[in-house]
Amino acid sequence: MASAASSSSAPESSSESTASPGSGGMSAWFTKFAGAMAKAVGHPAAFIIALACVIVWAISGPIFGFSDTWQLIINTTTTIVTSLIVFLIQNTQNRDTAALQLKIDELIRAHKGAHNAVLDFEELSESDLARIRNRYERLAQKARKEQQGILADNDLELAEEAEETREEKAHEAANPR
């Protein structure tokens, strides 16, 4: 479990350790810990354990006379556990999102016809993103009007024809005359 978490986040922990000397050890440890905990609390056994704790607490209610202390125990425990788990899962989610963004950026960068300007869209303001989204939506609407077949019964045939055309162009590009 821990090896998968550490391997997926290795680039981040190594860059953090070079950015601020001495923090790499604690950061690497927390990365491994957060990844392992996120996997553990996401496991069905964690749900069963939590459910069993609640059942034990509920059964113990009559023993303690449903006192304020009895209620305070579950309230305090759930608040603390929930808060800690939220921080751990957020840390894991942040790393996963950053890794996914880097993978997408690499695909965009490596694709010959892609616009490298989209590499840092996540840094744009909401209004800039909305303007770009509107532009892409207009392009999609135009493409749908030009190729009405996407909703037609012959959609598969059109897709196959388009794929054959792409393959022919790729073959021609690879084998110039």
Protein backbone atom coordinates (compact mmCIF):
# COMPACT_ATOMS: atom_id res chain seq x y z
CA MET A 1 0.00 0.00 0.00
CA ALA A 2 2.61 2.53 1.03
CA SER A 3 4.80 1.79 -1.97
CA ALA A 4 2.05 2.82 -4.41
CA ALA A 5 1.49 6.06 -2.54
CA SER A 6 5.16 6.86 -2.40
CA SER A 7 5.81 6.06 -6.05
CA SER A 8 2.93 8.23 -7.32
CA SER A 9 4.07 11.18 -5.28
CA ALA A 10 7.82 10.83 -5.63
CA PRO A 11 8.22 13.82 -7.98
CA GLU A 12 6.47 16.14 -5.57
CA SER A 13 8.35 15.04 -2.49
CA SER A 14 11.69 15.28 -4.29
CA SER A 15 10.90 18.78 -5.57
CA GLU A 16 9.82 19.85 -2.10
CA SER A 17 13.03 18.56 -0.58
CA THR A 18 15.10 20.54 -3.07
CA ALA A 19 13.00 23.66 -2.55
CA SER A 20 13.48 23.78 1.21
CA PRO A 21 16.36 21.83 2.72
CA GLY A 22 15.47 19.73 5.72
CA SER A 23 11.71 19.57 5.03
CA GLY A 24 11.95 16.61 2.63
CA GLY A 25 12.04 13.99 5.38
CA MET A 26 8.91 15.19 7.13
CA SER A 27 7.15 15.86 3.83
CA ALA A 28 8.04 12.44 2.46
CA TRP A 29 6.90 10.79 5.67
CA PHE A 30 3.59 12.68 5.63
CA THR A 31 3.06 11.85 1.96
CA LYS A 32 3.45 8.14 2.68
CA PHE A 33 1.33 8.37 5.82
CA ALA A 34 -1.47 10.35 4.12
CA GLY A 35 -1.54 7.98 1.17
CA ALA A 36 -1.67 4.90 3.39
CA MET A 37 -4.37 6.41 5.61
CA ALA A 38 -6.47 7.50 2.62
CA LYS A 39 -6.35 3.94 1.30
CA ALA A 40 -7.11 2.50 4.73
CA VAL A 41 -10.14 4.69 5.44
CA GLY A 42 -11.42 4.05 1.93
CA HIS A 43 -11.37 0.30 2.49
CA PRO A 44 -14.65 -1.51 3.27
CA ALA A 45 -13.13 -2.81 6.52
CA ALA A 46 -12.82 0.79 7.78
CA PHE A 47 -16.55 1.27 7.27
CA ILE A 48 -17.31 -1.97 9.12
CA ILE A 49 -15.06 -0.93 12.03
CA ALA A 50 -16.71 2.50 12.22
CA LEU A 51 -20.17 0.93 12.07
CA ALA A 52 -19.21 -1.53 14.82
CA CYS A 53 -18.01 1.34 17.02
CA VAL A 54 -21.30 3.18 16.57
CA ILE A 55 -23.27 0.01 17.37
CA VAL A 56 -21.19 -0.59 20.52
CA TRP A 57 -21.72 3.03 21.52
CA ALA A 58 -25.49 2.78 20.92
CA ILE A 59 -25.75 -0.50 22.88
CA SER A 60 -23.84 1.05 25.77
CA GLY A 61 -26.38 3.91 25.97
CA PRO A 62 -28.70 2.20 28.47
CA ILE A 63 -25.71 1.12 30.58
CA PHE A 64 -24.66 4.75 30.99
CA GLY A 65 -28.22 6.03 31.17
CA PHE A 66 -27.90 7.96 27.90
CA SER A 67 -25.95 10.57 29.86
CA ASP A 68 -24.42 13.75 28.53
CA THR A 69 -20.96 12.16 28.87
CA TRP A 70 -22.10 9.20 26.79
CA GLN A 71 -23.27 11.57 24.03
CA LEU A 72 -20.15 13.73 24.35
CA ILE A 73 -17.93 10.70 23.72
CA ILE A 74 -19.39 10.00 20.28
CA ASN A 75 -19.62 13.68 19.35
CA THR A 76 -16.00 14.39 20.30
CA THR A 77 -14.66 11.21 18.73
CA THR A 78 -16.45 11.69 15.42
CA THR A 79 -15.44 15.36 15.23
CA ILE A 80 -11.76 14.62 15.80
CA VAL A 81 -11.64 11.61 13.48
CA THR A 82 -13.56 13.42 10.74
CA SER A 83 -11.31 16.49 10.92
CA LEU A 84 -8.12 14.45 10.74
CA ILE A 85 -9.38 12.33 7.87
CA VAL A 86 -10.47 15.40 5.91
CA PHE A 87 -6.93 16.82 6.12
CA LEU A 88 -5.35 13.51 5.12
CA ILE A 89 -7.69 12.97 2.19
CA GLN A 90 -7.27 16.58 1.03
CA ASN A 91 -3.50 16.13 1.03
CA THR A 92 -3.82 12.95 -1.03
CA GLN A 93 -6.32 14.59 -3.38
CA ASN A 94 -4.04 17.59 -3.90
CA ARG A 95 -1.13 15.33 -4.86
CA ASP A 96 -3.29 13.20 -7.14
CA THR A 97 -4.70 16.29 -8.85
CA ALA A 98 -1.22 17.77 -9.34
CA ALA A 99 0.06 14.49 -10.80
CA LEU A 100 -2.93 14.21 -13.11
CA GLN A 101 -2.47 17.81 -14.25
CA LEU A 102 1.18 17.09 -15.07
CA LYS A 103 0.20 14.02 -17.06
CA ILE A 104 -2.38 16.01 -19.03
CA ASP A 105 0.15 18.79 -19.60
CA GLU A 106 2.64 16.26 -20.96
CA LEU A 107 0.02 14.84 -23.34
CA ILE A 108 -0.82 18.33 -24.57
CA ARG A 109 2.85 19.23 -24.94
CA ALA A 110 3.63 16.01 -26.82
CA HIS A 111 0.66 16.22 -29.21
CA LYS A 112 1.73 17.87 -32.43
CA GLY A 113 -1.50 19.78 -33.15
CA ALA A 114 -2.25 20.86 -29.56
CA HIS A 115 -1.98 24.43 -28.34
CA ASN A 116 0.75 24.69 -25.71
CA ALA A 117 -1.08 27.73 -24.35
CA VAL A 118 -3.54 25.39 -22.62
CA LEU A 119 -0.79 23.95 -20.42
CA ASP A 120 -1.54 26.32 -17.55
CA PHE A 121 -5.29 26.90 -17.89
CA GLU A 122 -5.71 26.06 -14.20
CA GLU A 123 -3.90 29.33 -13.42
CA LEU A 124 -6.41 31.51 -15.31
CA SER A 125 -9.19 33.50 -13.67
CA GLU A 126 -12.78 32.27 -13.71
CA SER A 127 -13.75 34.91 -16.27
CA ASP A 128 -10.90 33.90 -18.60
CA LEU A 129 -11.86 30.24 -18.25
CA ALA A 130 -15.51 31.07 -18.99
CA ARG A 131 -14.50 33.00 -22.11
CA ILE A 132 -12.36 30.10 -23.37
CA ARG A 133 -15.06 27.55 -22.45
CA ASN A 134 -17.59 29.58 -24.47
CA ARG A 135 -15.22 29.58 -27.44
CA TYR A 136 -14.80 25.79 -27.27
CA GLU A 137 -18.57 25.35 -26.91
CA ARG A 138 -19.11 27.43 -30.07
CA LEU A 139 -16.51 25.29 -31.87
CA ALA A 140 -18.32 22.14 -30.70
CA GLN A 141 -21.69 23.50 -31.85
CA LYS A 142 -20.20 24.34 -35.24
CA ALA A 143 -18.70 20.85 -35.52
CA ARG A 144 -22.05 19.25 -34.60
CA LYS A 145 -23.82 21.31 -37.27
CA GLU A 146 -21.24 20.31 -39.86
CA GLN A 147 -21.45 16.65 -38.87
CA GLN A 148 -25.05 15.96 -37.91
CA GLY A 149 -24.28 12.24 -37.90
CA ILE A 150 -23.26 12.12 -34.25
CA LEU A 151 -26.90 11.60 -33.28
CA ALA A 152 -27.90 9.67 -36.39
CA ASP A 153 -28.25 5.92 -36.79
CA ASN A 154 -25.24 5.86 -39.10
CA ASP A 155 -22.97 7.39 -36.43
CA LEU A 156 -20.78 4.27 -36.27
CA GLU A 157 -20.25 4.36 -40.04
CA LEU A 158 -19.29 8.03 -39.94
CA ALA A 159 -16.86 7.41 -37.07
CA GLU A 160 -15.26 4.51 -38.96
CA GLU A 161 -14.91 6.66 -42.09
CA ALA A 162 -13.33 9.46 -40.07
CA GLU A 163 -10.92 7.00 -38.46
CA GLU A 164 -9.93 5.59 -41.87
CA THR A 165 -9.31 9.11 -43.14
CA ARG A 166 -7.13 9.90 -40.11
CA GLU A 167 -5.18 6.66 -40.59
CA GLU A 168 -4.64 7.43 -44.30
CA LYS A 169 -3.37 10.92 -43.48
CA ALA A 170 -1.07 9.53 -40.81
CA HIS A 171 0.25 6.91 -43.24
CA GLU A 172 0.83 9.56 -45.90
CA ALA A 173 2.62 11.79 -43.42
CA ALA A 174 4.83 8.91 -42.28
CA ASN A 175 5.61 7.83 -45.85
CA PRO A 176 6.11 10.95 -47.98
CA ARG A 177 6.51 10.36 -51.73
